[in-house]
Amino acid sequence: MADTHLVFVYGTLKRSFPNHHYMTGARLSAEARTVDPYPLVVGGTWFTPYLIPEKGNGHHVKGELWEVPEAMMPALDELESVHLPNGYRRALIPVLAAGADAPVEAWAYFRKREHIAIIHTGNLDDYQDRRYTAAADRGI
């Protein structure tokens, strides 16, 4: 696909999770994992998954590698609140697709630990928590 970005998703954007509909128009490339360990936690009022930008701490996080059209990136950035001072930040990291011999660079969304009000879990290697409350269901 021309004009696409590789995006590593590890939480509610994965298949069968509440925000997966945001991936409509993207193409699943492969199951994947981070090359470097990172903390993946569930936190906040809505039990949101957070990948924390502390390379070397945590686990090799499992997720999905997607080919995302350039035109979809602003909607993902909006969902992840990159425009807010305490929102997520998008960063390129190496990920290894299942069956691949070499890693590729992909965008991942990180949120700093100090911007997470409460952390409900220890470091996870695979987000499977079902307590997340999607924005449409928050009643605010």
Protein backbone atom coordinates (compact mmCIF):
# COMPACT_ATOMS: atom_id res chain seq x y z
CA MET A 1 0.00 0.00 0.00
CA ALA A 2 1.39 3.37 -1.00
CA ASP A 3 1.61 6.17 1.56
CA THR A 4 1.17 3.91 4.57
CA HIS A 5 2.69 3.70 8.01
CA LEU A 6 3.41 0.60 10.03
CA VAL A 7 1.65 0.91 13.39
CA PHE A 8 2.13 -1.48 16.31
CA VAL A 9 -1.07 -1.82 18.35
CA TYR A 10 -1.02 -3.51 21.74
CA GLY A 11 -4.30 -2.57 23.44
CA THR A 12 -7.85 -1.54 22.60
CA LEU A 13 -7.07 -1.13 18.88
CA LYS A 14 -6.37 -4.87 18.50
CA ARG A 15 -8.88 -7.16 16.83
CA SER A 16 -11.83 -8.04 19.14
CA PHE A 17 -11.22 -5.02 21.40
CA PRO A 18 -13.49 -1.95 21.79
CA ASN A 19 -11.52 0.55 19.66
CA HIS A 20 -10.70 -1.82 16.81
CA HIS A 21 -13.20 -0.04 14.54
CA TYR A 22 -10.63 2.80 14.30
CA MET A 23 -8.50 0.37 12.26
CA THR A 24 -11.12 0.12 9.48
CA GLY A 25 -9.27 0.88 6.27
CA ALA A 26 -5.95 -0.43 7.58
CA ARG A 27 -4.50 -3.86 6.77
CA LEU A 28 -3.27 -6.35 9.35
CA SER A 29 0.30 -7.24 8.48
CA ALA A 30 1.21 -9.72 11.25
CA GLU A 31 1.20 -10.59 14.90
CA ALA A 32 4.28 -8.93 16.37
CA ARG A 33 6.20 -8.10 19.53
CA THR A 34 8.47 -5.28 20.61
CA VAL A 35 12.18 -5.94 20.17
CA ASP A 36 12.92 -4.08 23.40
CA PRO A 37 11.11 -4.66 26.69
CA TYR A 38 8.65 -1.97 27.81
CA PRO A 39 6.18 -1.71 30.68
CA LEU A 40 2.61 -2.39 29.54
CA VAL A 41 0.08 -1.65 32.27
CA VAL A 42 -3.65 -1.12 32.74
CA GLY A 43 -4.46 2.13 34.49
CA GLY A 44 -6.70 5.10 35.04
CA THR A 45 -10.40 5.40 35.69
CA TRP A 46 -11.33 3.59 32.46
CA PHE A 47 -8.83 0.69 32.80
CA THR A 48 -6.89 1.84 29.76
CA PRO A 49 -3.81 -0.02 28.46
CA TYR A 50 -0.65 2.09 28.52
CA LEU A 51 2.73 1.37 26.99
CA ILE A 52 5.21 3.36 29.06
CA PRO A 53 8.34 4.74 27.33
CA GLU A 54 10.83 3.06 29.68
CA LYS A 55 12.86 0.93 27.28
CA GLY A 56 14.49 -2.06 28.95
CA ASN A 57 11.93 -2.22 31.78
CA GLY A 58 9.05 -4.70 31.48
CA HIS A 59 8.46 -7.31 28.79
CA HIS A 60 8.65 -7.83 25.05
CA VAL A 61 5.07 -6.72 24.41
CA LYS A 62 2.84 -8.72 22.09
CA GLY A 63 0.55 -6.95 19.66
CA GLU A 64 -0.39 -6.52 16.03
CA LEU A 65 1.42 -4.80 13.18
CA TRP A 66 -0.86 -2.83 10.86
CA GLU A 67 -0.35 -1.02 7.55
CA VAL A 68 -2.20 2.24 8.12
CA PRO A 69 -2.95 4.73 5.33
CA GLU A 70 -1.51 8.21 5.87
CA ALA A 71 -5.06 9.62 5.87
CA MET A 72 -5.94 7.54 8.97
CA MET A 73 -3.05 8.72 11.14
CA PRO A 74 -4.74 11.97 12.31
CA ALA A 75 -7.74 9.98 13.63
CA LEU A 76 -5.43 7.64 15.56
CA ASP A 77 -3.51 10.61 16.95
CA GLU A 78 -6.81 12.20 18.03
CA LEU A 79 -7.97 8.97 19.72
CA GLU A 80 -4.66 8.80 21.59
CA SER A 81 -4.84 12.50 22.57
CA VAL A 82 -1.39 13.32 21.25
CA HIS A 83 -2.46 16.99 21.13
CA LEU A 84 -2.78 17.12 24.94
CA PRO A 85 0.24 17.69 27.21
CA ASN A 86 -0.57 14.52 29.17
CA GLY A 87 -1.68 12.43 26.16
CA TYR A 88 0.11 9.65 24.38
CA ARG A 89 3.17 10.27 22.24
CA ARG A 90 3.81 8.43 19.01
CA ALA A 91 7.33 7.02 18.57
CA LEU A 92 9.07 4.72 16.09
CA ILE A 93 10.29 1.49 17.67
CA PRO A 94 11.62 -1.79 16.30
CA VAL A 95 9.10 -4.63 16.28
CA LEU A 96 9.49 -8.21 15.14
CA ALA A 97 6.64 -9.68 13.10
CA ALA A 98 5.82 -13.35 13.65
CA GLY A 99 7.93 -15.45 11.29
CA ALA A 100 10.17 -12.54 10.28
CA ASP A 101 13.96 -12.70 10.39
CA ALA A 102 14.54 -9.00 11.01
CA PRO A 103 12.69 -6.26 12.87
CA VAL A 104 10.92 -3.33 11.20
CA GLU A 105 10.31 0.19 12.48
CA ALA A 106 6.71 0.88 13.45
CA TRP A 107 4.83 3.63 15.23
CA ALA A 108 3.66 2.88 18.76
CA TYR A 109 1.72 5.06 21.18
CA PHE A 110 3.34 5.65 24.58
CA ARG A 111 2.14 7.47 27.67
CA LYS A 112 4.49 8.64 30.41
CA ARG A 113 4.07 7.03 33.80
CA GLU A 114 3.55 10.42 35.51
CA HIS A 115 0.44 10.97 33.36
CA ILE A 116 -1.25 7.78 34.58
CA ALA A 117 -3.30 8.55 37.70
CA ILE A 118 -3.50 4.97 38.99
CA ILE A 119 -1.98 1.73 37.74
CA HIS A 120 -4.09 -1.39 38.31
CA THR A 121 -1.66 -4.09 37.10
CA GLY A 122 1.97 -5.02 37.09
CA ASN A 123 3.89 -5.13 33.80
CA LEU A 124 2.09 -7.23 31.21
CA ASP A 125 3.46 -8.88 28.09
CA ASP A 126 0.06 -9.17 26.38
CA TYR A 127 -3.00 -6.97 26.91
CA GLN A 128 -6.10 -9.15 27.37
CA ASP A 129 -7.89 -7.14 30.08
CA ARG A 130 -11.61 -6.59 29.37
CA ARG A 131 -12.34 -3.86 31.95
CA TYR A 132 -11.71 -0.94 29.56
CA THR A 133 -14.62 1.49 29.16
CA ALA A 134 -14.79 3.01 25.67
CA ALA A 135 -15.40 6.76 25.39
CA ALA A 136 -18.93 6.23 24.03
CA ASP A 137 -19.83 4.22 27.17
CA ARG A 138 -18.46 6.60 29.81
CA GLY A 139 -21.59 8.70 30.26
CA ILE A 140 -19.66 11.96 30.39
